[in-house]
Amino acid sequence: MKKLYVTRTAPNPRKALILLASKGIDVDDMDDLDVVDIDFATNEQMSDEFTKINPMQTVPVLQLDDGTILNDSQAVCEYLDRVYGERSVMGNDVVQRAQVCSMRRIAEFEVLYNFMLAFQHSHPSKAQRVEQVPEFVGPSIARAVKALPYFENALKGHDYLIGDQLSFADIVLYLGLDFGKLLKVNPNEQGENLARFYQMMNERFSIKNMAKAKPDHE
């Protein structure tokens, strides 16, 4: 049985959960994959048991039947996209895959990464993992916000960033916008198109609307 290690609220594991949900797949109702929820509130990711699985102490992690470990969110999502569901969210041909890759990288490194960097250097829960530099916070938020007009323009007249269907680039941009709320960047105040896009994605993929962890007795 494959095992997918996640926490339901962090952006990187949410990529995998949303990817499957976008294909109509309930991650908690898969015949060949078990979800293991890692409790970050108790630092379970730093336990000896989990560190043996992933020395980087991060999620998501996908453990395959043969023991192969994938411990990078992009790698996990590439695998899940190819193995499950009929339609690829990574792109249906070589050109579309390249377009999705390009747009995803911009969303990840300019928006999501910078918001995560600001959070990492400002939130008390991260103090034990990194040497926090408060001076990083403001410039990181500013860089993320500076990138948003690019996506505002890309979404003009379109529901999605690439073509007429949801892609992995949309998932990453949505997670960036959603995470920005923790840093008081309102996704509904960054432009008409971004607000429309965020509301559409959030109706489907918000934390409260996504599948919850299985009860312990199941």
N, C-alpha and C. Protein backbone atom coordinates (compact mmCIF):
# COMPACT_ATOMS: atom_id res chain seq x y z
N MET A 1 0.84 -1.20 0.00
CA MET A 1 0.00 0.00 0.00
C MET A 1 0.88 1.25 0.00
N LYS A 2 0.59 2.15 -0.91
CA LYS A 2 1.31 3.43 -0.94
C LYS A 2 0.85 4.28 0.26
N LYS A 3 1.75 5.15 0.72
CA LYS A 3 1.41 6.04 1.83
C LYS A 3 1.75 7.48 1.44
N LEU A 4 0.81 8.37 1.67
CA LEU A 4 1.01 9.79 1.43
C LEU A 4 0.99 10.52 2.77
N TYR A 5 2.13 11.07 3.14
CA TYR A 5 2.27 11.79 4.40
C TYR A 5 2.00 13.27 4.14
N VAL A 6 1.05 13.84 4.89
CA VAL A 6 0.66 15.24 4.67
C VAL A 6 0.33 15.90 6.01
N THR A 7 0.19 17.21 5.93
CA THR A 7 -0.57 17.95 6.92
C THR A 7 -1.56 18.78 6.10
N ARG A 8 -2.76 18.94 6.59
CA ARG A 8 -3.85 19.44 5.73
C ARG A 8 -3.86 20.95 5.53
N THR A 9 -3.02 21.68 6.25
CA THR A 9 -3.12 23.14 6.20
C THR A 9 -1.93 23.82 5.54
N ALA A 10 -0.81 23.14 5.37
CA ALA A 10 0.39 23.75 4.79
C ALA A 10 0.32 23.75 3.27
N PRO A 11 0.90 24.76 2.62
CA PRO A 11 0.77 24.87 1.16
C PRO A 11 1.31 23.69 0.36
N ASN A 12 2.50 23.20 0.69
CA ASN A 12 3.10 22.15 -0.15
C ASN A 12 2.30 20.85 -0.14
N PRO A 13 1.89 20.32 1.01
CA PRO A 13 1.04 19.13 0.95
C PRO A 13 -0.34 19.40 0.36
N ARG A 14 -0.83 20.62 0.50
CA ARG A 14 -2.12 20.95 -0.11
C ARG A 14 -2.06 20.85 -1.63
N LYS A 15 -0.89 21.05 -2.22
CA LYS A 15 -0.75 20.88 -3.67
C LYS A 15 -1.23 19.50 -4.09
N ALA A 16 -0.76 18.49 -3.37
CA ALA A 16 -1.11 17.11 -3.71
C ALA A 16 -2.60 16.84 -3.48
N LEU A 17 -3.12 17.34 -2.37
CA LEU A 17 -4.53 17.11 -2.05
C LEU A 17 -5.44 17.78 -3.07
N ILE A 18 -5.09 19.01 -3.45
CA ILE A 18 -5.92 19.75 -4.41
C ILE A 18 -5.80 19.14 -5.80
N LEU A 19 -4.59 18.70 -6.16
CA LEU A 19 -4.41 18.06 -7.46
C LEU A 19 -5.37 16.88 -7.62
N LEU A 20 -5.42 16.02 -6.62
CA LEU A 20 -6.32 14.87 -6.69
C LEU A 20 -7.78 15.32 -6.69
N ALA A 21 -8.11 16.28 -5.82
CA ALA A 21 -9.49 16.76 -5.76
C ALA A 21 -9.93 17.37 -7.09
N SER A 22 -9.01 18.04 -7.78
CA SER A 22 -9.35 18.65 -9.07
C SER A 22 -9.70 17.60 -10.11
N LYS A 23 -9.26 16.36 -9.89
CA LYS A 23 -9.59 15.25 -10.77
C LYS A 23 -10.79 14.47 -10.27
N GLY A 24 -11.42 14.97 -9.21
CA GLY A 24 -12.58 14.29 -8.66
C GLY A 24 -12.23 13.11 -7.78
N ILE A 25 -11.01 13.09 -7.26
CA ILE A 25 -10.54 11.97 -6.44
C ILE A 25 -10.48 12.39 -4.98
N ASP A 26 -11.16 11.65 -4.12
CA ASP A 26 -11.11 11.89 -2.68
C ASP A 26 -9.90 11.16 -2.12
N VAL A 27 -8.92 11.90 -1.63
CA VAL A 27 -7.67 11.30 -1.17
C VAL A 27 -7.90 10.32 -0.02
N ASP A 28 -8.98 10.50 0.71
CA ASP A 28 -9.28 9.63 1.84
C ASP A 28 -10.11 8.40 1.44
N ASP A 29 -10.33 8.23 0.15
CA ASP A 29 -11.14 7.10 -0.32
C ASP A 29 -10.48 6.43 -1.53
N MET A 30 -9.17 6.20 -1.40
CA MET A 30 -8.41 5.57 -2.48
C MET A 30 -8.03 4.15 -2.06
N ASP A 31 -8.21 3.21 -2.98
CA ASP A 31 -8.00 1.80 -2.65
C ASP A 31 -6.53 1.44 -2.44
N ASP A 32 -5.63 2.17 -3.09
CA ASP A 32 -4.22 1.76 -3.06
C ASP A 32 -3.31 2.79 -2.40
N LEU A 33 -3.90 3.74 -1.68
CA LEU A 33 -3.10 4.78 -1.05
C LEU A 33 -3.69 5.15 0.31
N ASP A 34 -2.86 5.11 1.33
CA ASP A 34 -3.25 5.52 2.67
C ASP A 34 -2.70 6.91 2.96
N VAL A 35 -3.50 7.74 3.58
CA VAL A 35 -3.05 9.07 3.99
C VAL A 35 -2.62 9.01 5.45
N VAL A 36 -1.42 9.52 5.70
CA VAL A 36 -0.90 9.60 7.07
C VAL A 36 -0.77 11.08 7.41
N ASP A 37 -1.57 11.53 8.38
CA ASP A 37 -1.54 12.94 8.78
C ASP A 37 -0.46 13.17 9.82
N ILE A 38 0.46 14.06 9.49
CA ILE A 38 1.57 14.40 10.38
C ILE A 38 1.19 15.66 11.15
N ASP A 39 1.27 15.59 12.46
CA ASP A 39 0.84 16.69 13.33
C ASP A 39 1.99 17.67 13.55
N PHE A 40 1.95 18.78 12.81
CA PHE A 40 3.00 19.78 12.97
C PHE A 40 2.89 20.51 14.30
N ALA A 41 1.70 20.55 14.87
CA ALA A 41 1.53 21.24 16.15
C ALA A 41 2.35 20.60 17.26
N THR A 42 2.57 19.30 17.15
CA THR A 42 3.38 18.57 18.14
C THR A 42 4.77 18.22 17.59
N ASN A 43 5.13 18.84 16.45
CA ASN A 43 6.44 18.61 15.82
C ASN A 43 6.67 17.14 15.46
N GLU A 44 5.59 16.48 15.04
CA GLU A 44 5.71 15.07 14.67
C GLU A 44 6.67 14.89 13.49
N GLN A 45 6.79 15.93 12.65
CA GLN A 45 7.69 15.82 11.50
C GLN A 45 9.16 15.72 11.93
N MET A 46 9.45 16.08 13.17
CA MET A 46 10.81 16.00 13.68
C MET A 46 11.08 14.72 14.47
N SER A 47 10.09 13.87 14.56
CA SER A 47 10.25 12.62 15.32
C SER A 47 11.26 11.71 14.62
N ASP A 48 11.84 10.82 15.39
CA ASP A 48 12.80 9.86 14.82
C ASP A 48 12.14 9.00 13.75
N GLU A 49 10.90 8.60 14.02
CA GLU A 49 10.19 7.73 13.08
C GLU A 49 10.00 8.39 11.73
N PHE A 50 9.54 9.66 11.74
CA PHE A 50 9.32 10.35 10.47
C PHE A 50 10.63 10.75 9.81
N THR A 51 11.62 11.12 10.61
CA THR A 51 12.92 11.51 10.06
C THR A 51 13.57 10.36 9.30
N LYS A 52 13.30 9.13 9.72
CA LYS A 52 13.82 7.97 8.99
C LYS A 52 13.19 7.89 7.60
N ILE A 53 11.94 8.32 7.50
CA ILE A 53 11.25 8.31 6.21
C ILE A 53 11.72 9.47 5.35
N ASN A 54 11.80 10.65 5.95
CA ASN A 54 12.24 11.84 5.24
C ASN A 54 13.17 12.67 6.13
N PRO A 55 14.46 12.55 5.93
CA PRO A 55 15.42 13.30 6.75
C PRO A 55 15.25 14.82 6.65
N MET A 56 14.57 15.29 5.59
CA MET A 56 14.32 16.73 5.46
C MET A 56 13.22 17.21 6.39
N GLN A 57 12.46 16.28 6.97
CA GLN A 57 11.40 16.59 7.94
C GLN A 57 10.32 17.51 7.35
N THR A 58 9.98 17.26 6.09
CA THR A 58 8.96 18.04 5.40
C THR A 58 7.90 17.13 4.82
N VAL A 59 6.75 17.70 4.51
CA VAL A 59 5.70 17.01 3.78
C VAL A 59 5.32 17.87 2.57
N PRO A 60 4.78 17.23 1.51
CA PRO A 60 4.33 15.85 1.43
C PRO A 60 5.47 14.87 1.18
N VAL A 61 5.21 13.63 1.54
CA VAL A 61 6.09 12.52 1.22
C VAL A 61 5.21 11.40 0.69
N LEU A 62 5.62 10.81 -0.42
CA LEU A 62 4.90 9.67 -0.98
C LEU A 62 5.82 8.46 -0.94
N GLN A 63 5.37 7.42 -0.23
CA GLN A 63 6.11 6.16 -0.16
C GLN A 63 5.41 5.15 -1.05
N LEU A 64 6.12 4.64 -2.05
CA LEU A 64 5.54 3.70 -3.00
C LEU A 64 5.59 2.28 -2.46
N ASP A 65 4.93 1.37 -3.16
CA ASP A 65 4.83 -0.02 -2.72
C ASP A 65 6.19 -0.67 -2.54
N ASP A 66 7.14 -0.28 -3.37
CA ASP A 66 8.46 -0.91 -3.30
C ASP A 66 9.40 -0.22 -2.33
N GLY A 67 8.88 0.77 -1.59
CA GLY A 67 9.69 1.49 -0.62
C GLY A 67 10.31 2.77 -1.13
N THR A 68 10.17 3.04 -2.43
CA THR A 68 10.68 4.29 -2.99
C THR A 68 10.04 5.48 -2.30
N ILE A 69 10.87 6.48 -1.95
CA ILE A 69 10.39 7.68 -1.27
C ILE A 69 10.50 8.89 -2.19
N LEU A 70 9.40 9.60 -2.36
CA LEU A 70 9.39 10.89 -3.04
C LEU A 70 9.11 11.94 -1.99
N ASN A 71 10.06 12.86 -1.77
CA ASN A 71 9.90 13.81 -0.67
C ASN A 71 9.97 15.26 -1.14
N ASP A 72 9.54 15.50 -2.35
CA ASP A 72 9.44 16.86 -2.90
C ASP A 72 8.04 17.03 -3.46
N SER A 73 7.42 18.17 -3.18
CA SER A 73 6.02 18.35 -3.58
C SER A 73 5.83 18.25 -5.09
N GLN A 74 6.76 18.80 -5.87
CA GLN A 74 6.63 18.72 -7.32
C GLN A 74 6.70 17.28 -7.79
N ALA A 75 7.65 16.51 -7.23
CA ALA A 75 7.80 15.11 -7.62
C ALA A 75 6.56 14.30 -7.25
N VAL A 76 6.05 14.54 -6.04
CA VAL A 76 4.85 13.84 -5.59
C VAL A 76 3.68 14.14 -6.52
N CYS A 77 3.53 15.41 -6.87
CA CYS A 77 2.40 15.80 -7.72
C CYS A 77 2.56 15.27 -9.14
N GLU A 78 3.78 15.24 -9.65
CA GLU A 78 4.02 14.65 -10.98
C GLU A 78 3.59 13.19 -10.99
N TYR A 79 3.95 12.46 -9.94
CA TYR A 79 3.58 11.05 -9.86
C TYR A 79 2.07 10.89 -9.79
N LEU A 80 1.44 11.61 -8.88
CA LEU A 80 0.00 11.49 -8.70
C LEU A 80 -0.75 11.86 -9.97
N ASP A 81 -0.26 12.87 -10.67
CA ASP A 81 -0.92 13.32 -11.89
C ASP A 81 -0.88 12.26 -12.97
N ARG A 82 0.24 11.57 -13.09
CA ARG A 82 0.40 10.57 -14.14
C ARG A 82 -0.33 9.26 -13.83
N VAL A 83 -0.45 8.94 -12.54
CA VAL A 83 -0.98 7.64 -12.15
C VAL A 83 -2.50 7.66 -11.95
N TYR A 84 -3.04 8.79 -11.48
CA TYR A 84 -4.45 8.82 -11.10
C TYR A 84 -5.24 9.79 -11.97
N GLY A 85 -6.44 9.37 -12.36
CA GLY A 85 -7.33 10.22 -13.12
C GLY A 85 -7.00 10.22 -14.60
N GLU A 86 -7.93 10.67 -15.39
CA GLU A 86 -7.77 10.63 -16.84
C GLU A 86 -7.07 11.88 -17.38
N ARG A 87 -7.44 13.05 -16.88
CA ARG A 87 -6.90 14.29 -17.44
C ARG A 87 -5.68 14.75 -16.65
N SER A 88 -4.64 15.14 -17.35
CA SER A 88 -3.45 15.64 -16.69
C SER A 88 -3.61 17.12 -16.36
N VAL A 89 -3.30 17.50 -15.13
CA VAL A 89 -3.29 18.92 -14.77
C VAL A 89 -1.91 19.53 -15.01
N MET A 90 -0.94 18.71 -15.42
CA MET A 90 0.39 19.21 -15.75
C MET A 90 0.49 19.60 -17.22
N GLY A 91 -0.55 19.34 -18.00
CA GLY A 91 -0.53 19.66 -19.42
C GLY A 91 -0.77 18.43 -20.26
N ASN A 92 -1.54 18.58 -21.32
CA ASN A 92 -1.96 17.45 -22.14
C ASN A 92 -1.10 17.22 -23.38
N ASP A 93 -0.18 18.12 -23.67
CA ASP A 93 0.77 17.91 -24.76
C ASP A 93 2.05 18.65 -24.39
N VAL A 94 3.08 18.51 -25.20
CA VAL A 94 4.39 19.04 -24.84
C VAL A 94 4.37 20.56 -24.69
N VAL A 95 3.63 21.25 -25.55
CA VAL A 95 3.58 22.71 -25.46
C VAL A 95 2.84 23.14 -24.19
N GLN A 96 1.69 22.50 -23.94
CA GLN A 96 0.92 22.86 -22.76
C GLN A 96 1.68 22.53 -21.48
N ARG A 97 2.39 21.41 -21.46
CA ARG A 97 3.19 21.07 -20.27
C ARG A 97 4.25 22.13 -20.02
N ALA A 98 4.87 22.63 -21.10
CA ALA A 98 5.88 23.68 -20.96
C ALA A 98 5.24 24.97 -20.45
N GLN A 99 4.06 25.30 -20.95
CA GLN A 99 3.37 26.51 -20.50
C GLN A 99 3.00 26.41 -19.03
N VAL A 100 2.47 25.26 -18.62
CA VAL A 100 2.10 25.05 -17.22
C VAL A 100 3.33 25.13 -16.33
N CYS A 101 4.43 24.51 -16.78
CA CYS A 101 5.67 24.54 -16.01
C CYS A 101 6.15 25.97 -15.82
N SER A 102 6.13 26.75 -16.89
CA SER A 102 6.60 28.14 -16.83
C SER A 102 5.76 28.96 -15.86
N MET A 103 4.45 28.88 -16.02
CA MET A 103 3.56 29.67 -15.17
C MET A 103 3.60 29.19 -13.72
N ARG A 104 3.71 27.89 -13.53
CA ARG A 104 3.80 27.34 -12.17
C ARG A 104 5.04 27.83 -11.46
N ARG A 105 6.17 27.86 -12.17
CA ARG A 105 7.42 28.29 -11.54
C ARG A 105 7.36 29.76 -11.14
N ILE A 106 6.75 30.59 -11.97
CA ILE A 106 6.63 32.00 -11.62
C ILE A 106 5.74 32.16 -10.39
N ALA A 107 4.61 31.44 -10.37
CA ALA A 107 3.71 31.51 -9.22
C ALA A 107 4.39 31.00 -7.96
N GLU A 108 5.19 29.95 -8.11
CA GLU A 108 5.84 29.35 -6.94
C GLU A 108 6.95 30.22 -6.39
N PHE A 109 7.86 30.64 -7.25
CA PHE A 109 9.05 31.33 -6.77
C PHE A 109 8.84 32.82 -6.53
N GLU A 110 7.90 33.43 -7.23
CA GLU A 110 7.66 34.86 -7.03
C GLU A 110 6.58 35.14 -5.99
N VAL A 111 5.56 34.28 -5.92
CA VAL A 111 4.44 34.54 -5.01
C VAL A 111 4.50 33.63 -3.78
N LEU A 112 4.27 32.34 -3.99
CA LEU A 112 4.18 31.42 -2.85
C LEU A 112 5.47 31.39 -2.04
N TYR A 113 6.61 31.25 -2.70
CA TYR A 113 7.87 31.14 -1.96
C TYR A 113 8.14 32.38 -1.13
N ASN A 114 7.88 33.55 -1.68
CA ASN A 114 8.17 34.78 -0.94
C ASN A 114 7.23 34.95 0.25
N PHE A 115 5.96 34.58 0.10
CA PHE A 115 5.07 34.60 1.26
C PHE A 115 5.53 33.60 2.31
N MET A 116 5.94 32.42 1.87
CA MET A 116 6.42 31.41 2.83
C MET A 116 7.70 31.88 3.52
N LEU A 117 8.56 32.56 2.77
CA LEU A 117 9.80 33.08 3.36
C LEU A 117 9.48 34.13 4.43
N ALA A 118 8.54 35.01 4.14
CA ALA A 118 8.14 36.03 5.11
C ALA A 118 7.55 35.38 6.36
N PHE A 119 6.74 34.36 6.16
CA PHE A 119 6.14 33.65 7.29
C PHE A 119 7.22 32.96 8.12
N GLN A 120 8.15 32.33 7.44
CA GLN A 120 9.22 31.59 8.11
C GLN A 120 10.05 32.50 9.01
N HIS A 121 10.23 33.73 8.59
CA HIS A 121 11.08 34.65 9.34
C HIS A 121 10.29 35.56 10.29
N SER A 122 8.99 35.29 10.43
CA SER A 122 8.19 36.13 11.32
C SER A 122 7.35 35.36 12.32
N HIS A 123 7.03 34.11 12.02
CA HIS A 123 6.10 33.38 12.90
C HIS A 123 6.86 32.64 13.99
N PRO A 124 6.39 32.73 15.24
CA PRO A 124 7.09 32.07 16.36
C PRO A 124 7.28 30.56 16.17
N SER A 125 6.35 29.91 15.46
CA SER A 125 6.44 28.45 15.30
C SER A 125 7.63 28.03 14.46
N LYS A 126 8.21 28.96 13.72
CA LYS A 126 9.34 28.63 12.85
C LYS A 126 10.69 28.95 13.48
N ALA A 127 10.67 29.53 14.66
CA ALA A 127 11.91 29.99 15.28
C ALA A 127 12.87 28.84 15.58
N GLN A 128 12.32 27.66 15.86
CA GLN A 128 13.18 26.53 16.20
C GLN A 128 13.79 25.87 14.97
N ARG A 129 13.28 26.20 13.79
CA ARG A 129 13.78 25.57 12.56
C ARG A 129 14.77 26.45 11.80
N VAL A 130 14.61 27.75 11.91
CA VAL A 130 15.49 28.66 11.16
C VAL A 130 15.96 29.79 12.06
N GLU A 131 17.07 30.38 11.69
CA GLU A 131 17.53 31.60 12.36
C GLU A 131 16.78 32.76 11.72
N GLN A 132 15.76 33.23 12.40
CA GLN A 132 14.87 34.22 11.81
C GLN A 132 15.57 35.57 11.63
N VAL A 133 15.34 36.16 10.47
CA VAL A 133 15.87 37.48 10.13
C VAL A 133 14.68 38.38 9.82
N PRO A 134 14.21 39.14 10.77
CA PRO A 134 13.01 39.96 10.57
C PRO A 134 13.10 40.89 9.36
N GLU A 135 14.32 41.27 9.00
CA GLU A 135 14.48 42.18 7.87
C GLU A 135 14.08 41.54 6.54
N PHE A 136 13.97 40.22 6.50
CA PHE A 136 13.53 39.53 5.28
C PHE A 136 12.03 39.67 5.03
N VAL A 137 11.28 39.95 6.09
CA VAL A 137 9.83 39.85 6.00
C VAL A 137 9.23 40.87 5.02
N GLY A 138 9.49 42.14 5.25
CA GLY A 138 8.92 43.19 4.41
C GLY A 138 9.28 43.05 2.94
N PRO A 139 10.56 42.91 2.60
CA PRO A 139 10.94 42.77 1.19
C PRO A 139 10.35 41.52 0.53
N SER A 140 10.20 40.44 1.28
CA SER A 140 9.64 39.22 0.72
C SER A 140 8.17 39.41 0.37
N ILE A 141 7.43 40.03 1.27
CA ILE A 141 6.02 40.32 0.98
C ILE A 141 5.91 41.26 -0.21
N ALA A 142 6.75 42.28 -0.24
CA ALA A 142 6.71 43.26 -1.33
C ALA A 142 7.00 42.61 -2.68
N ARG A 143 7.94 41.66 -2.70
CA ARG A 143 8.27 41.00 -3.95
C ARG A 143 7.10 40.15 -4.44
N ALA A 144 6.42 39.46 -3.51
CA ALA A 144 5.26 38.66 -3.89
C ALA A 144 4.16 39.55 -4.46
N VAL A 145 3.88 40.64 -3.78
CA VAL A 145 2.82 41.55 -4.23
C VAL A 145 3.17 42.16 -5.59
N LYS A 146 4.45 42.44 -5.79
CA LYS A 146 4.90 43.02 -7.07
C LYS A 146 4.63 42.10 -8.24
N ALA A 147 4.63 40.78 -7.99
CA ALA A 147 4.40 39.81 -9.06
C ALA A 147 2.93 39.63 -9.41
N LEU A 148 2.04 40.04 -8.53
CA LEU A 148 0.61 39.75 -8.73
C LEU A 148 0.02 40.40 -9.97
N PRO A 149 0.42 41.61 -10.38
CA PRO A 149 -0.15 42.17 -11.61
C PRO A 149 0.11 41.31 -12.85
N TYR A 150 1.20 40.56 -12.85
CA TYR A 150 1.47 39.64 -13.97
C TYR A 150 0.32 38.63 -14.10
N PHE A 151 -0.13 38.10 -12.99
CA PHE A 151 -1.21 37.11 -13.01
C PHE A 151 -2.57 37.78 -13.22
N GLU A 152 -2.72 38.99 -12.71
CA GLU A 152 -3.95 39.74 -12.96
C GLU A 152 -4.14 39.92 -14.46
N ASN A 153 -3.08 40.22 -15.16
CA ASN A 153 -3.15 40.41 -16.61
C ASN A 153 -3.35 39.07 -17.33
N ALA A 154 -2.69 38.01 -16.85
CA ALA A 154 -2.81 36.70 -17.49
C ALA A 154 -4.23 36.15 -17.39
N LEU A 155 -4.94 36.54 -16.35
CA LEU A 155 -6.30 36.03 -16.13
C LEU A 155 -7.37 36.90 -16.78
N LYS A 156 -6.97 37.95 -17.45
CA LYS A 156 -7.95 38.83 -18.09
C LYS A 156 -8.69 38.06 -19.18
N GLY A 157 -10.00 37.93 -19.01
CA GLY A 157 -10.82 37.22 -19.98
C GLY A 157 -10.73 35.72 -19.89
N HIS A 158 -10.07 35.20 -18.84
CA HIS A 158 -9.89 33.75 -18.71
C HIS A 158 -10.21 33.31 -17.28
N ASP A 159 -10.73 32.09 -17.17
CA ASP A 159 -10.94 31.52 -15.84
C ASP A 159 -9.65 30.96 -15.27
N TYR A 160 -8.79 30.45 -16.17
CA TYR A 160 -7.57 29.77 -15.74
C TYR A 160 -6.36 30.36 -16.44
N LEU A 161 -5.19 30.04 -15.91
CA LEU A 161 -3.95 30.63 -16.43
C LEU A 161 -3.56 30.07 -17.78
N ILE A 162 -3.78 28.77 -17.99
CA ILE A 162 -3.38 28.10 -19.23
C ILE A 162 -4.60 27.42 -19.85
N GLY A 163 -4.99 27.86 -21.03
CA GLY A 163 -6.10 27.20 -21.71
C GLY A 163 -7.41 27.41 -20.98
N ASP A 164 -8.33 26.46 -21.19
CA ASP A 164 -9.68 26.59 -20.65
C ASP A 164 -9.98 25.59 -19.56
N GLN A 165 -8.93 25.00 -18.96
CA GLN A 165 -9.16 24.08 -17.86
C GLN A 165 -8.10 24.26 -16.78
N LEU A 166 -8.46 23.85 -15.58
CA LEU A 166 -7.57 24.01 -14.43
C LEU A 166 -6.27 23.24 -14.64
N SER A 167 -5.16 23.89 -14.29
CA SER A 167 -3.85 23.25 -14.37
C SER A 167 -3.12 23.39 -13.03
N PHE A 168 -1.97 22.75 -12.95
CA PHE A 168 -1.18 22.81 -11.73
C PHE A 168 -0.72 24.24 -11.43
N ALA A 169 -0.56 25.04 -12.47
CA ALA A 169 -0.19 26.44 -12.27
C ALA A 169 -1.28 27.17 -11.48
N ASP A 170 -2.53 26.87 -11.77
CA ASP A 170 -3.65 27.49 -11.04
C ASP A 170 -3.62 27.07 -9.57
N ILE A 171 -3.31 25.81 -9.31
CA ILE A 171 -3.26 25.32 -7.94
C ILE A 171 -2.20 26.07 -7.15
N VAL A 172 -1.02 26.23 -7.74
CA VAL A 172 0.08 26.89 -7.04
C VAL A 172 -0.22 28.37 -6.82
N LEU A 173 -0.78 29.03 -7.82
CA LEU A 173 -1.14 30.45 -7.65
C LEU A 173 -2.20 30.59 -6.57
N TYR A 174 -3.22 29.75 -6.58
CA TYR A 174 -4.25 29.81 -5.54
C TYR A 174 -3.64 29.65 -4.15
N LEU A 175 -2.74 28.69 -3.99
CA LEU A 175 -2.12 28.48 -2.68
C LEU A 175 -1.27 29.67 -2.27
N GLY A 176 -0.63 30.31 -3.23
CA GLY A 176 0.12 31.53 -2.91
C GLY A 176 -0.79 32.63 -2.42
N LEU A 177 -1.90 32.85 -3.12
CA LEU A 177 -2.86 33.87 -2.71
C LEU A 177 -3.45 33.55 -1.35
N ASP A 178 -3.76 32.27 -1.14
CA ASP A 178 -4.37 31.86 0.12
C ASP A 178 -3.39 32.03 1.29
N PHE A 179 -2.14 31.67 1.06
CA PHE A 179 -1.14 31.79 2.11
C PHE A 179 -0.85 33.25 2.43
N GLY A 180 -0.97 34.10 1.43
CA GLY A 180 -0.73 35.53 1.64
C GLY A 180 -1.65 36.14 2.67
N LYS A 181 -2.81 35.53 2.88
CA LYS A 181 -3.74 36.06 3.88
C LYS A 181 -3.12 36.05 5.28
N LEU A 182 -2.25 35.08 5.55
CA LEU A 182 -1.58 35.02 6.86
C LEU A 182 -0.68 36.21 7.08
N LEU A 183 -0.29 36.86 5.99
CA LEU A 183 0.60 38.01 6.06
C LEU A 183 -0.15 39.30 5.75
N LYS A 184 -1.48 39.21 5.88
CA LYS A 184 -2.38 40.36 5.71
C LYS A 184 -2.37 40.93 4.29
N VAL A 185 -2.16 40.04 3.32
CA VAL A 185 -2.30 40.42 1.92
C VAL A 185 -3.61 39.82 1.43
N ASN A 186 -4.62 40.64 1.26
CA ASN A 186 -5.97 40.19 0.91
C ASN A 186 -6.03 39.83 -0.57
N PRO A 187 -6.31 38.57 -0.91
CA PRO A 187 -6.35 38.17 -2.32
C PRO A 187 -7.49 38.80 -3.09
N ASN A 188 -8.47 39.34 -2.39
CA ASN A 188 -9.60 39.98 -3.05
C ASN A 188 -9.35 41.46 -3.33
N GLU A 189 -8.16 41.94 -2.99
CA GLU A 189 -7.83 43.35 -3.19
C GLU A 189 -6.62 43.54 -4.11
N GLN A 190 -6.33 42.53 -4.91
CA GLN A 190 -5.14 42.58 -5.78
C GLN A 190 -5.51 42.71 -7.25
N GLY A 191 -6.75 43.00 -7.52
CA GLY A 191 -7.21 43.14 -8.89
C GLY A 191 -8.48 42.34 -9.11
N GLU A 192 -9.29 42.79 -10.03
CA GLU A 192 -10.60 42.17 -10.29
C GLU A 192 -10.45 40.72 -10.73
N ASN A 193 -9.51 40.44 -11.61
CA ASN A 193 -9.36 39.09 -12.14
C ASN A 193 -8.81 38.13 -11.10
N LEU A 194 -7.85 38.59 -10.32
CA LEU A 194 -7.31 37.75 -9.25
C LEU A 194 -8.37 37.45 -8.19
N ALA A 195 -9.18 38.45 -7.88
CA ALA A 195 -10.25 38.24 -6.89
C ALA A 195 -11.24 37.20 -7.39
N ARG A 196 -11.63 37.30 -8.66
CA ARG A 196 -12.56 36.33 -9.25
C ARG A 196 -11.94 34.93 -9.23
N PHE A 197 -10.69 34.85 -9.63
CA PHE A 197 -9.98 33.56 -9.66
C PHE A 197 -9.88 32.97 -8.26
N TYR A 198 -9.50 33.79 -7.29
CA TYR A 198 -9.34 33.28 -5.93
C TYR A 198 -10.66 32.76 -5.37
N GLN A 199 -11.72 33.52 -5.57
CA GLN A 199 -13.02 33.10 -5.04
C GLN A 199 -13.49 31.80 -5.69
N MET A 200 -13.25 31.66 -6.99
CA MET A 200 -13.64 30.44 -7.69
C MET A 200 -12.87 29.23 -7.16
N MET A 201 -11.57 29.38 -6.98
CA MET A 201 -10.75 28.28 -6.49
C MET A 201 -11.06 27.98 -5.02
N ASN A 202 -11.29 29.02 -4.26
CA ASN A 202 -11.51 28.84 -2.82
C ASN A 202 -12.83 28.13 -2.53
N GLU A 203 -13.81 28.33 -3.40
CA GLU A 203 -15.09 27.63 -3.23
C GLU A 203 -14.91 26.12 -3.34
N ARG A 204 -13.95 25.69 -4.12
CA ARG A 204 -13.71 24.26 -4.31
C ARG A 204 -12.66 23.70 -3.37
N PHE A 205 -11.61 24.48 -3.13
CA PHE A 205 -10.41 23.90 -2.53
C PHE A 205 -9.98 24.54 -1.21
N SER A 206 -10.84 25.29 -0.57
CA SER A 206 -10.47 25.85 0.73
C SER A 206 -10.22 24.73 1.73
N ILE A 207 -9.48 25.02 2.76
CA ILE A 207 -9.16 24.00 3.76
C ILE A 207 -10.43 23.41 4.35
N LYS A 208 -11.42 24.25 4.61
CA LYS A 208 -12.64 23.75 5.24
C LYS A 208 -13.48 22.90 4.28
N ASN A 209 -13.30 23.10 2.98
CA ASN A 209 -14.08 22.33 2.01
C ASN A 209 -13.41 21.04 1.58
N MET A 210 -12.12 20.93 1.87
CA MET A 210 -11.38 19.73 1.44
C MET A 210 -11.61 18.58 2.40
N ALA A 211 -11.24 17.39 1.94
CA ALA A 211 -11.41 16.18 2.76
C ALA A 211 -10.63 16.31 4.05
N LYS A 212 -11.24 15.87 5.13
CA LYS A 212 -10.60 15.92 6.45
C LYS A 212 -9.95 14.57 6.76
N ALA A 213 -9.15 14.57 7.78
CA ALA A 213 -8.47 13.34 8.18
C ALA A 213 -9.49 12.29 8.59
N LYS A 214 -9.16 11.02 8.34
CA LYS A 214 -10.03 9.94 8.74
C LYS A 214 -10.05 9.84 10.29
N PRO A 215 -11.20 9.51 10.86
CA PRO A 215 -11.24 9.26 12.31
C PRO A 215 -10.31 8.13 12.68
N ASP A 216 -9.79 8.18 13.89
CA ASP A 216 -8.81 7.19 14.34
C ASP A 216 -9.35 5.77 14.31
N HIS A 217 -10.66 5.60 14.50
CA HIS A 217 -11.21 4.25 14.56
C HIS A 217 -11.41 3.62 13.21
N GLU A 218 -11.24 4.39 12.12
CA GLU A 218 -11.42 3.81 10.79
C GLU A 218 -10.15 3.10 10.34
